[in-house]
Amino acid sequence: MIRVVLADDHPVVRAGLEALLSSLPGIEVVGVASTGREAIREVVTTRPDVAVLDLQMPDLDGFAATRELARAAPEVAVLVLTMFEDDDSVFAAMRAGARGYLVKGAEQEEIARAIRAVAAGEAIFGPGVARRVLTFFAAPPPADPFPELTTREREILDLLAAGLSNPAIATRLDLAPKTVANNVSTIFTKLGTADRSTAIIQARNAGLGTSVTLRTQREDVPPNS
């Protein structure tokens, strides 16, 4: 018998999923939650084999709940069941620790197979999601837009593109401010730019700065916001 905790913030969807999962042979629903924090409490209390989580939930979304469960209950497999099938959501959920990813509307047999698969330690994706994952890994790696830069110089340029000042970069990388200033001057020379704003534009056009900006924004958000 595979023991399951189900978490979804929509009452009708939650009730339907609970009825569906309870009707499947070999699967027992041992806990139901409507928020991310409730899901964590249910999992920690009941210690199921699988936690089926939506991504969009109040007080703690599915990404954060998955990360917390990976820490607090690593033996519990997380299966995401959500409306979102964009690349960002899929890969963010997998990086958080999810073992499976299905889109709502999946057939009963597909959900049952996914629950059994993640409970057995496998990774599983819905058909559309699987195609996205395969396409991502089949794509050739992007060419380095700044091959003339060293690893440290590229790291500093990434932070420049995110809008960080030299002192902030020095703090982030645990470097002396003078070292950062020297590296910035070298970057300008190698890129053939005369000022900071031009270098930032070049870096952002090459895709730098975005991940740093998102990470900084997340770090500034209070845990319970």
Protein backbone atom coordinates (compact mmCIF):
# COMPACT_ATOMS: atom_id res chain seq x y z
CA MET A 1 0.00 0.00 0.00
CA ILE A 2 1.42 3.38 -1.07
CA ARG A 3 0.55 6.12 1.42
CA VAL A 4 -0.09 9.57 -0.08
CA VAL A 5 -0.51 13.14 1.17
CA LEU A 6 -2.38 15.42 -1.22
CA ALA A 7 -2.04 19.23 -1.26
CA ASP A 8 -4.08 21.59 -3.46
CA ASP A 9 -5.59 24.97 -2.63
CA HIS A 10 -8.79 24.54 -4.70
CA PRO A 11 -11.48 22.72 -2.64
CA VAL A 12 -13.24 21.16 -5.64
CA VAL A 13 -10.00 19.99 -7.23
CA ARG A 14 -8.72 18.73 -3.90
CA ALA A 15 -11.90 16.75 -3.21
CA GLY A 16 -11.88 15.29 -6.71
CA LEU A 17 -8.24 14.24 -6.46
CA GLU A 18 -8.79 12.74 -3.03
CA ALA A 19 -11.71 10.70 -4.34
CA LEU A 20 -9.70 9.66 -7.40
CA LEU A 21 -6.61 8.61 -5.46
CA SER A 22 -8.66 6.80 -2.80
CA SER A 23 -10.28 4.74 -5.54
CA LEU A 24 -6.99 3.51 -6.93
CA PRO A 25 -5.91 0.03 -5.83
CA GLY A 26 -2.83 -0.02 -3.64
CA ILE A 27 -2.98 3.72 -2.84
CA GLU A 28 -4.14 5.22 0.46
CA VAL A 29 -4.65 8.96 1.07
CA VAL A 30 -3.40 9.57 4.62
CA GLY A 31 -3.46 13.37 4.62
CA VAL A 32 -4.97 16.33 2.77
CA ALA A 33 -3.79 19.95 2.82
CA SER A 34 -4.84 23.24 1.25
CA THR A 35 -1.62 25.23 1.78
CA GLY A 36 2.09 24.62 1.53
CA ARG A 37 2.66 24.78 5.26
CA GLU A 38 -0.25 22.42 5.92
CA ALA A 39 1.29 20.02 3.41
CA ILE A 40 4.60 20.04 5.27
CA ARG A 41 2.86 19.41 8.60
CA GLU A 42 0.85 16.52 7.13
CA VAL A 43 3.93 14.93 5.60
CA VAL A 44 6.07 15.31 8.72
CA THR A 45 3.23 13.91 10.85
CA THR A 46 2.09 10.99 8.67
CA ARG A 47 5.37 10.18 6.86
CA PRO A 48 3.73 9.03 3.60
CA ASP A 49 5.52 7.47 0.66
CA VAL A 50 4.48 10.21 -1.76
CA ALA A 51 3.40 13.85 -1.47
CA VAL A 52 1.31 15.08 -4.40
CA LEU A 53 1.67 18.87 -4.51
CA ASP A 54 0.22 21.71 -6.52
CA LEU A 55 2.64 24.54 -7.26
CA GLN A 56 0.33 27.47 -6.60
CA MET A 57 -0.72 27.40 -2.95
CA PRO A 58 -1.14 30.11 -0.29
CA ASP A 59 1.40 30.86 2.47
CA LEU A 60 4.06 28.62 0.88
CA ASP A 61 4.09 27.67 -2.80
CA GLY A 62 4.85 24.22 -4.13
CA PHE A 63 8.47 25.05 -4.95
CA ALA A 64 9.25 26.16 -1.39
CA ALA A 65 7.25 23.28 0.09
CA THR A 66 9.20 20.80 -2.05
CA ARG A 67 12.52 22.26 -0.91
CA GLU A 68 11.43 22.08 2.72
CA LEU A 69 10.27 18.48 2.35
CA ALA A 70 13.58 17.54 0.75
CA ARG A 71 15.19 18.77 3.96
CA ALA A 72 12.67 17.63 6.57
CA ALA A 73 11.47 14.37 4.98
CA PRO A 74 13.91 13.33 2.24
CA GLU A 75 12.49 9.81 2.12
CA VAL A 76 9.14 11.17 0.87
CA ALA A 77 8.87 11.42 -2.93
CA VAL A 78 7.27 14.61 -4.24
CA LEU A 79 5.05 14.42 -7.31
CA VAL A 80 3.99 17.79 -8.72
CA LEU A 81 0.46 17.94 -10.16
CA THR A 82 -0.22 21.42 -11.50
CA MET A 83 -1.65 23.56 -14.28
CA PHE A 84 1.76 24.96 -15.19
CA GLU A 85 3.91 23.26 -17.82
CA ASP A 86 6.31 26.08 -18.77
CA ASP A 87 10.03 25.36 -18.70
CA ASP A 88 10.72 27.61 -15.71
CA SER A 89 8.15 25.84 -13.52
CA VAL A 90 9.24 22.35 -14.59
CA PHE A 91 12.95 22.87 -13.98
CA ALA A 92 12.43 24.90 -10.80
CA ALA A 93 10.34 22.07 -9.36
CA MET A 94 12.92 19.45 -10.28
CA ARG A 95 15.74 21.54 -8.82
CA ALA A 96 13.70 21.88 -5.63
CA GLY A 97 13.63 18.09 -5.34
CA ALA A 98 10.48 16.86 -7.09
CA ARG A 99 10.76 13.36 -8.56
CA GLY A 100 7.80 13.67 -10.92
CA TYR A 101 5.80 16.32 -12.77
CA LEU A 102 2.30 15.95 -14.18
CA VAL A 103 -0.09 18.51 -15.62
CA LYS A 104 -3.66 18.57 -14.32
CA GLY A 105 -5.97 16.80 -16.70
CA ALA A 106 -3.78 13.69 -16.72
CA GLU A 107 -5.70 10.44 -16.98
CA GLN A 108 -6.33 8.31 -13.88
CA GLU A 109 -3.96 5.59 -15.07
CA GLU A 110 -1.21 8.17 -15.71
CA ILE A 111 -1.54 9.58 -12.18
CA ALA A 112 -1.49 6.10 -10.65
CA ARG A 113 1.57 5.13 -12.69
CA ALA A 114 3.36 8.33 -11.67
CA ILE A 115 2.65 7.79 -7.96
CA ARG A 116 3.92 4.22 -8.12
CA ALA A 117 6.99 5.28 -10.09
CA VAL A 118 8.14 8.04 -7.73
CA ALA A 119 7.40 5.81 -4.73
CA ALA A 120 9.79 3.29 -6.27
CA GLY A 121 12.50 5.93 -6.64
CA GLU A 122 11.99 6.67 -10.33
CA ALA A 123 11.64 10.06 -12.01
CA ILE A 124 8.59 10.53 -14.21
CA PHE A 125 7.06 13.26 -16.35
CA GLY A 126 3.81 13.73 -18.22
CA PRO A 127 4.11 13.39 -22.03
CA GLY A 128 4.23 17.14 -22.74
CA VAL A 129 6.63 17.80 -19.90
CA ALA A 130 8.87 14.90 -20.95
CA ARG A 131 9.18 16.39 -24.44
CA ARG A 132 10.26 19.70 -22.92
CA VAL A 133 12.88 18.01 -20.75
CA LEU A 134 14.26 15.98 -23.66
CA THR A 135 14.37 19.04 -25.90
CA PHE A 136 16.22 21.00 -23.24
CA PHE A 137 18.92 18.37 -22.81
CA ALA A 138 19.15 17.68 -26.55
CA ALA A 139 19.81 21.34 -27.36
CA PRO A 140 23.49 22.27 -27.83
CA PRO A 141 24.95 24.41 -25.05
CA PRO A 142 24.89 28.13 -25.88
CA ALA A 143 28.13 29.62 -27.15
CA ASP A 144 30.10 31.71 -24.69
CA PRO A 145 29.37 35.34 -25.67
CA PHE A 146 32.52 36.59 -23.94
CA PRO A 147 35.26 33.97 -24.48
CA GLU A 148 37.95 36.58 -23.84
CA LEU A 149 36.92 36.96 -20.19
CA THR A 150 38.28 34.86 -17.35
CA THR A 151 35.87 33.01 -15.06
CA ARG A 152 36.23 35.71 -12.38
CA GLU A 153 35.74 38.54 -14.90
CA ARG A 154 32.62 36.89 -16.28
CA GLU A 155 31.27 36.47 -12.75
CA ILE A 156 31.84 40.15 -12.05
CA LEU A 157 30.22 41.13 -15.37
CA ASP A 158 27.20 39.02 -14.44
CA LEU A 159 26.86 41.00 -11.21
CA LEU A 160 27.39 44.28 -13.05
CA ALA A 161 24.55 43.34 -15.40
CA ALA A 162 22.35 42.70 -12.37
CA GLY A 163 22.89 46.30 -11.31
CA LEU A 164 25.26 45.73 -8.38
CA SER A 165 27.79 48.42 -7.49
CA ASN A 166 31.48 47.69 -7.10
CA PRO A 167 31.26 47.64 -3.28
CA ALA A 168 28.25 45.29 -3.46
CA ILE A 169 30.13 43.00 -5.84
CA ALA A 170 33.14 43.00 -3.51
CA THR A 171 30.90 41.97 -0.62
CA ARG A 172 29.12 39.28 -2.65
CA LEU A 173 32.37 37.72 -3.89
CA ASP A 174 34.39 38.39 -0.72
CA LEU A 175 36.95 40.45 -2.65
CA ALA A 176 38.74 43.69 -1.91
CA PRO A 177 37.01 46.71 -3.55
CA LYS A 178 40.28 47.54 -5.33
CA THR A 179 40.38 44.05 -6.85
CA VAL A 180 36.86 44.47 -8.17
CA ALA A 181 37.68 47.90 -9.62
CA ASN A 182 40.74 46.48 -11.39
CA ASN A 183 38.71 43.61 -12.83
CA VAL A 184 35.99 46.01 -14.02
CA SER A 185 38.59 48.10 -15.84
CA THR A 186 39.99 44.97 -17.49
CA ILE A 187 36.47 43.90 -18.53
CA PHE A 188 35.87 47.29 -20.17
CA THR A 189 39.13 46.98 -22.08
CA LYS A 190 38.41 43.44 -23.29
CA LEU A 191 34.87 44.32 -24.36
CA GLY A 192 36.00 47.52 -26.05
CA THR A 193 33.61 49.62 -23.99
CA ALA A 194 34.28 53.03 -22.53
CA ASP A 195 31.82 53.05 -19.67
CA ARG A 196 29.80 50.92 -17.26
CA SER A 197 26.41 51.41 -18.92
CA THR A 198 27.63 50.13 -22.30
CA ALA A 199 29.17 47.06 -20.69
CA ILE A 200 25.92 46.37 -18.83
CA ILE A 201 23.90 46.63 -22.05
CA GLN A 202 26.22 44.17 -23.80
CA ALA A 203 26.05 41.76 -20.87
CA ARG A 204 22.26 41.91 -20.61
CA ASN A 205 21.87 41.39 -24.37
CA ALA A 206 23.92 38.21 -23.89
CA GLY A 207 21.60 37.02 -21.11
CA LEU A 208 23.75 37.89 -18.10
CA GLY A 209 22.40 39.41 -14.92
CA THR A 210 18.92 37.89 -14.98
CA SER A 211 19.47 34.95 -12.61
CA VAL A 212 21.44 37.14 -10.20
CA THR A 213 18.63 39.71 -10.15
CA LEU A 214 15.99 37.05 -9.47
CA ARG A 215 18.07 35.49 -6.70
CA THR A 216 18.67 38.88 -5.08
CA GLN A 217 14.95 39.68 -5.21
CA ARG A 218 14.10 36.36 -3.55
CA GLU A 219 16.67 36.97 -0.83
CA ASP A 220 15.01 40.32 -0.10
CA VAL A 221 11.54 38.81 0.31
CA PRO A 222 10.58 38.00 3.96
CA PRO A 223 10.11 34.22 4.52
CA ASN A 224 6.38 34.56 5.23
CA SER A 225 5.52 37.02 2.47
